[in-house]
Amino acid sequence: RRVLPSYKPEQAMSSTPDITGILENTKELDRLRKEQEEVLVEVNKIHKKLRSSPEVVEKPGDTSLSQLKNLFIQAKELSESEVTVSNIRLAQLDSLLPSGQQRGKLEVAEGNGLKRKRMKAGSDVTRVPPSIRNQMKAYASLKGEQVAARITADDAEQDEWLVVKVIHFDRETKEVEVLDEESGDDEEGGGQRTYKLPMSCVLQFPKRNDPSTTQEFLPGKHVLAVYPGTTALYKATVVSTPRKRKSDEYLLEFDDDEEDGALPQRTVPFHKVVALPEGHRQLKQELKVVVAFVCVHR
């Protein structure tokens, strides 16, 4: 998918009125909105195709859902870029006001009583919604803790989830830097590996010392859980909950974990079980091979 340009507010701001910068950001807004319209057209095409022939997604090689996912991701990024550029241009327009007005309140509609606080010069012009701000605060507090992380790319054939430790959270890029502490044991690795991942690729585990605050997954629910004896997570189905078992463990059946034609039921601590991410990809017949490799090399 298309890589969007990175905008830095400090590059667009200046101490003197920048008419050229305002015009450039206006053109950029036009470009972003045009691209959003193009993405919407493509989304509507796929929606029309799926409405008329929903069975097409079951055909081998069909990529309709994957294309739709990538289009929504692109639309989200374009929308976020539009917000950023809009705020930059707003700050540039504010800089054209007399200095006396810059420290007060800007009249949005003079005479009708509607006012808004002007952003102070030099402040962060990107406005983060409260929900995202709270989410960023939560990720920043995870430093030093173990989390579940998807280390594979969006277009990979299957998702690979590992137990890793959070090293750092970058508020600017919204990326979580994590350390795979076990990778140093691999014969080919030769050292521990680090990854910089978007927040969507990192899931927080329940608190080990506070089971009452964790989400309970009922029997029959699909989850993502750490396979016993490894640091890898796989899709599983809940057989029994900790409350039902009167313990701190789930009883799970992992997909493609057959032994003698049946799925064995395995116990997994509640703090190593998380909700199954939407669109999780796990190739059939892969679990046994991967788990055997992990057990041998770790």
Protein backbone atom coordinates (compact mmCIF):
# COMPACT_ATOMS: atom_id res chain seq x y z
CA ARG A 1 0.00 0.00 0.00
CA ARG A 2 1.00 3.59 -0.48
CA VAL A 3 3.38 5.06 2.09
CA LEU A 4 2.11 8.39 3.34
CA PRO A 5 4.45 11.35 3.82
CA SER A 6 5.54 12.07 7.38
CA TYR A 7 4.63 15.51 8.71
CA LYS A 8 6.53 17.26 11.43
CA PRO A 9 4.76 20.32 12.87
CA GLU A 10 8.00 22.05 13.69
CA GLN A 11 8.97 22.04 10.00
CA ALA A 12 5.77 23.82 8.98
CA MET A 13 5.77 26.38 11.80
CA SER A 14 7.82 29.57 11.82
CA SER A 15 8.10 32.70 13.93
CA THR A 16 6.94 34.90 11.02
CA PRO A 17 3.87 34.52 8.81
CA ASP A 18 4.53 31.85 6.20
CA ILE A 19 2.13 32.38 3.30
CA THR A 20 3.98 29.86 1.15
CA GLY A 21 3.67 27.21 3.85
CA ILE A 22 -0.08 27.89 4.18
CA LEU A 23 -0.57 27.47 0.43
CA GLU A 24 1.50 24.27 0.38
CA ASN A 25 -0.54 22.76 3.23
CA THR A 26 -3.76 23.79 1.48
CA LYS A 27 -2.63 21.91 -1.62
CA GLU A 28 -1.69 18.94 0.56
CA LEU A 29 -5.17 18.89 2.09
CA ASP A 30 -6.68 18.84 -1.39
CA ARG A 31 -4.43 15.92 -2.33
CA LEU A 32 -5.29 13.95 0.80
CA ARG A 33 -9.02 14.44 0.30
CA LYS A 34 -8.75 13.39 -3.35
CA GLU A 35 -6.93 10.21 -2.33
CA GLN A 36 -9.59 9.51 0.32
CA GLU A 37 -12.26 9.78 -2.38
CA GLU A 38 -10.32 7.32 -4.56
CA VAL A 39 -10.04 4.86 -1.67
CA LEU A 40 -13.78 5.18 -1.00
CA VAL A 41 -14.53 4.35 -4.64
CA GLU A 42 -12.43 1.17 -4.38
CA VAL A 43 -14.10 0.20 -1.08
CA ASN A 44 -17.54 0.60 -2.64
CA LYS A 45 -16.50 -1.58 -5.58
CA ILE A 46 -15.49 -4.43 -3.28
CA HIS A 47 -18.62 -3.99 -1.14
CA LYS A 48 -20.77 -4.24 -4.28
CA LYS A 49 -18.89 -7.38 -5.34
CA LEU A 50 -19.33 -9.02 -1.94
CA ARG A 51 -23.02 -8.14 -1.76
CA SER A 52 -23.73 -9.70 -5.14
CA SER A 53 -21.45 -12.75 -4.70
CA PRO A 54 -20.57 -13.31 -1.01
CA GLU A 55 -19.39 -16.86 -1.75
CA VAL A 56 -16.41 -15.46 -3.69
CA VAL A 57 -14.38 -15.11 -0.46
CA GLU A 58 -14.38 -18.90 -0.06
CA LYS A 59 -12.72 -19.47 -3.41
CA PRO A 60 -8.97 -20.29 -3.34
CA GLY A 61 -6.83 -17.31 -4.19
CA ASP A 62 -9.52 -14.67 -3.62
CA THR A 63 -8.05 -11.58 -1.95
CA SER A 64 -11.21 -9.47 -1.55
CA LEU A 65 -11.08 -9.35 2.27
CA SER A 66 -7.34 -8.65 2.29
CA GLN A 67 -7.80 -5.80 -0.20
CA LEU A 68 -10.67 -4.41 1.84
CA LYS A 69 -8.57 -4.49 5.02
CA ASN A 70 -5.67 -2.67 3.31
CA LEU A 71 -8.05 -0.04 1.94
CA PHE A 72 -9.47 0.66 5.40
CA ILE A 73 -5.94 0.92 6.80
CA GLN A 74 -5.05 3.37 4.03
CA ALA A 75 -8.24 5.37 4.65
CA LYS A 76 -7.39 5.60 8.36
CA GLU A 77 -3.86 6.82 7.62
CA LEU A 78 -5.12 9.39 5.12
CA SER A 79 -7.65 10.65 7.65
CA GLU A 80 -4.98 10.96 10.36
CA SER A 81 -2.71 12.84 7.94
CA GLU A 82 -5.56 15.20 7.07
CA VAL A 83 -6.07 16.00 10.76
CA THR A 84 -2.35 16.65 11.21
CA VAL A 85 -2.07 18.96 8.18
CA SER A 86 -5.29 20.77 9.14
CA ASN A 87 -3.92 21.53 12.59
CA ILE A 88 -0.62 22.73 11.12
CA ARG A 89 -2.44 25.10 8.76
CA LEU A 90 -4.67 26.30 11.63
CA ALA A 91 -1.59 27.20 13.65
CA GLN A 92 -0.09 28.98 10.63
CA LEU A 93 -3.24 31.04 10.19
CA ASP A 94 -3.20 31.91 13.89
CA SER A 95 0.33 33.22 13.48
CA LEU A 96 -1.00 35.90 11.10
CA LEU A 97 -3.10 37.45 13.87
CA PRO A 98 -1.83 40.45 15.86
CA SER A 99 0.27 39.41 18.86
CA GLY A 100 -2.34 40.69 21.30
CA GLN A 101 -4.92 38.31 19.96
CA GLN A 102 -2.49 35.36 19.96
CA ARG A 103 -2.50 35.26 23.75
CA GLY A 104 -6.24 35.60 24.14
CA LYS A 105 -9.21 33.82 22.64
CA LEU A 106 -9.89 33.69 18.93
CA GLU A 107 -13.39 34.76 17.91
CA VAL A 108 -14.74 32.00 15.65
CA ALA A 109 -18.00 33.75 14.90
CA GLU A 110 -18.04 37.31 16.20
CA GLY A 111 -21.39 38.32 17.62
CA ASN A 112 -22.80 34.82 18.17
CA GLY A 113 -20.80 34.06 21.31
CA LEU A 114 -18.98 31.03 19.88
CA LYS A 115 -15.33 31.02 20.90
CA ARG A 116 -12.47 28.59 21.11
CA LYS A 117 -9.09 28.71 22.78
CA ARG A 118 -6.27 29.43 20.38
CA MET A 119 -3.37 27.01 20.37
CA LYS A 120 -0.25 28.59 21.85
CA ALA A 121 2.65 29.18 19.52
CA GLY A 122 5.24 26.42 19.84
CA SER A 123 2.79 23.91 21.30
CA ASP A 124 2.07 20.49 19.81
CA VAL A 125 -0.41 21.21 17.01
CA THR A 126 -1.50 17.60 16.63
CA ARG A 127 -4.67 16.97 18.63
CA VAL A 128 -5.01 13.45 19.93
CA PRO A 129 -8.51 12.17 20.78
CA PRO A 130 -8.97 11.25 24.49
CA SER A 131 -9.40 7.54 23.69
CA ILE A 132 -6.10 7.42 21.78
CA ARG A 133 -4.39 9.53 24.46
CA ASN A 134 -5.50 7.08 27.17
CA GLN A 135 -4.36 4.15 25.04
CA MET A 136 -0.93 5.76 24.54
CA LYS A 137 -0.65 6.34 28.29
CA ALA A 138 -1.42 2.67 28.91
CA TYR A 139 1.25 1.50 26.47
CA ALA A 140 3.81 3.89 27.95
CA SER A 141 3.22 2.27 31.36
CA LEU A 142 4.09 -1.21 30.02
CA LYS A 143 7.86 -0.67 30.06
CA GLY A 144 9.57 -3.74 31.51
CA GLU A 145 6.44 -5.92 31.30
CA GLN A 146 5.84 -8.99 29.17
CA VAL A 147 3.25 -8.65 26.41
CA ALA A 148 2.01 -10.62 23.41
CA ALA A 149 3.35 -9.21 20.13
CA ARG A 150 2.75 -10.03 16.48
CA ILE A 151 6.17 -9.85 14.84
CA THR A 152 5.08 -10.71 11.29
CA ALA A 153 4.12 -8.23 8.57
CA ASP A 154 0.53 -7.44 7.61
CA ASP A 155 0.87 -9.36 4.34
CA ALA A 156 2.44 -12.50 5.86
CA GLU A 157 0.74 -15.84 5.19
CA GLN A 158 0.33 -16.45 8.91
CA ASP A 159 0.60 -14.42 12.10
CA GLU A 160 3.43 -15.19 14.52
CA TRP A 161 2.76 -14.08 18.10
CA LEU A 162 5.46 -14.24 20.79
CA VAL A 163 5.87 -13.34 24.44
CA VAL A 164 8.24 -10.34 24.51
CA LYS A 165 9.28 -7.58 26.93
CA VAL A 166 8.48 -3.91 26.36
CA ILE A 167 11.61 -1.73 26.18
CA HIS A 168 10.22 1.63 25.12
CA PHE A 169 7.11 3.36 23.77
CA ASP A 170 7.61 6.21 21.30
CA ARG A 171 4.76 8.72 21.63
CA GLU A 172 5.69 10.43 18.37
CA THR A 173 5.64 7.36 16.11
CA LYS A 174 3.20 5.44 18.37
CA GLU A 175 5.51 2.43 18.12
CA VAL A 176 6.29 -0.06 20.87
CA GLU A 177 9.88 -1.34 21.01
CA VAL A 178 10.00 -4.90 22.34
CA LEU A 179 12.69 -7.47 23.10
CA ASP A 180 12.43 -11.18 22.32
CA GLU A 181 14.42 -12.45 25.29
CA GLU A 182 14.45 -16.05 24.06
CA SER A 183 15.79 -15.39 20.56
CA GLY A 184 19.37 -15.42 21.84
CA ASP A 185 19.07 -19.17 22.33
CA ASP A 186 18.49 -19.84 18.64
CA GLU A 187 21.42 -21.41 16.82
CA GLU A 188 21.16 -18.96 13.92
CA GLY A 189 20.14 -15.87 15.90
CA GLY A 190 23.27 -15.34 17.95
CA GLY A 191 21.61 -12.63 20.04
CA GLN A 192 18.35 -11.26 21.35
CA ARG A 193 16.15 -9.54 18.79
CA THR A 194 14.23 -6.30 19.13
CA TYR A 195 11.20 -5.13 17.16
CA LYS A 196 9.49 -1.78 16.70
CA LEU A 197 5.79 -2.47 16.32
CA PRO A 198 2.58 -0.42 16.01
CA MET A 199 0.27 -0.50 19.02
CA SER A 200 -2.16 -2.76 17.15
CA CYS A 201 0.50 -5.52 17.12
CA VAL A 202 0.95 -5.54 20.90
CA LEU A 203 -1.54 -7.02 23.38
CA GLN A 204 -1.29 -6.60 27.14
CA PHE A 205 -1.58 -9.73 29.28
CA PRO A 206 -3.96 -9.79 32.27
CA LYS A 207 -2.39 -8.90 35.62
CA ARG A 208 -1.04 -12.07 37.23
CA ASN A 209 -1.77 -10.84 40.75
CA ASP A 210 -5.32 -9.57 40.08
CA PRO A 211 -7.52 -12.18 38.33
CA SER A 212 -10.72 -10.38 39.36
CA THR A 213 -10.05 -7.54 36.90
CA THR A 214 -9.41 -9.73 33.86
CA GLN A 215 -11.84 -10.51 31.07
CA GLU A 216 -13.35 -13.99 31.37
CA PHE A 217 -13.59 -15.99 28.15
CA LEU A 218 -16.52 -18.39 28.27
CA PRO A 219 -16.44 -22.02 27.02
CA GLY A 220 -16.47 -22.18 23.22
CA LYS A 221 -14.78 -18.80 22.86
CA HIS A 222 -11.73 -18.56 20.58
CA VAL A 223 -8.67 -17.00 22.23
CA LEU A 224 -4.97 -16.49 21.69
CA ALA A 225 -2.91 -18.32 24.31
CA VAL A 226 0.69 -19.24 25.14
CA TYR A 227 1.26 -22.89 24.23
CA PRO A 228 2.58 -24.75 27.31
CA GLY A 229 6.37 -24.98 27.44
CA THR A 230 6.92 -22.26 24.79
CA THR A 231 6.90 -18.49 24.37
CA ALA A 232 4.63 -18.64 21.31
CA LEU A 233 0.89 -17.92 21.18
CA TYR A 234 -1.66 -19.83 19.11
CA LYS A 235 -5.39 -19.87 18.51
CA ALA A 236 -7.30 -22.05 20.98
CA THR A 237 -10.86 -22.79 22.09
CA VAL A 238 -11.93 -22.43 25.74
CA VAL A 239 -13.11 -25.70 27.29
CA SER A 240 -13.38 -24.52 30.89
CA THR A 241 -12.75 -21.23 32.70
CA PRO A 242 -10.66 -20.60 35.85
CA ARG A 243 -13.84 -19.83 37.78
CA LYS A 244 -15.40 -23.14 36.75
CA ARG A 245 -12.20 -25.02 37.56
CA LYS A 246 -11.74 -23.10 40.84
CA SER A 247 -8.14 -22.40 39.86
CA ASP A 248 -6.16 -19.77 37.99
CA GLU A 249 -5.97 -21.79 34.76
CA TYR A 250 -8.01 -22.16 31.60
CA LEU A 251 -8.58 -25.55 30.01
CA LEU A 252 -7.97 -25.07 26.27
CA GLU A 253 -7.91 -26.99 23.01
CA PHE A 254 -5.34 -25.58 20.57
CA ASP A 255 -6.15 -25.66 16.86
CA ASP A 256 -4.27 -28.34 14.86
CA ASP A 257 -2.85 -29.85 18.05
CA GLU A 258 -4.10 -33.37 17.34
CA GLU A 259 -2.80 -36.41 19.17
CA ASP A 260 -4.14 -39.81 18.05
CA GLY A 261 -6.94 -38.13 16.12
CA ALA A 262 -8.17 -35.95 18.99
CA LEU A 263 -7.38 -32.51 20.42
CA PRO A 264 -5.79 -32.80 23.88
CA GLN A 265 -7.01 -30.39 26.54
CA ARG A 266 -4.19 -28.29 27.96
CA THR A 267 -4.07 -26.02 31.00
CA VAL A 268 -2.87 -22.44 30.54
CA PRO A 269 -2.66 -19.76 33.30
CA PHE A 270 -5.29 -17.02 32.91
CA HIS A 271 -2.56 -14.37 32.61
CA LYS A 272 -1.26 -16.00 29.42
CA VAL A 273 -4.59 -15.86 27.57
CA VAL A 274 -5.81 -12.85 25.53
CA ALA A 275 -8.63 -12.13 23.10
CA LEU A 276 -8.15 -13.50 19.59
CA PRO A 277 -7.25 -10.56 17.30
CA GLU A 278 -9.68 -9.94 14.44
CA GLY A 279 -8.46 -11.50 11.20
CA HIS A 280 -5.96 -13.79 12.92
CA ARG A 281 -4.20 -16.06 10.41
CA GLN A 282 -2.90 -19.46 11.43
CA LEU A 283 -2.08 -22.03 8.76
CA LYS A 284 -3.31 -25.55 9.37
CA GLN A 285 -0.83 -28.26 10.31
CA GLU A 286 1.73 -25.66 11.37
CA LEU A 287 1.33 -25.82 15.14
CA LYS A 288 3.05 -29.16 15.76
CA VAL A 289 6.07 -28.27 13.64
CA VAL A 290 6.53 -24.82 15.16
CA VAL A 291 6.04 -26.00 18.74
CA ALA A 292 8.53 -28.83 18.23
CA PHE A 293 11.08 -26.32 16.92
CA VAL A 294 10.49 -23.95 19.84
CA CYS A 295 10.84 -26.72 22.40
CA VAL A 296 14.11 -27.95 20.88
CA HIS A 297 15.75 -24.53 20.38
CA ARG A 298 14.50 -22.78 23.51
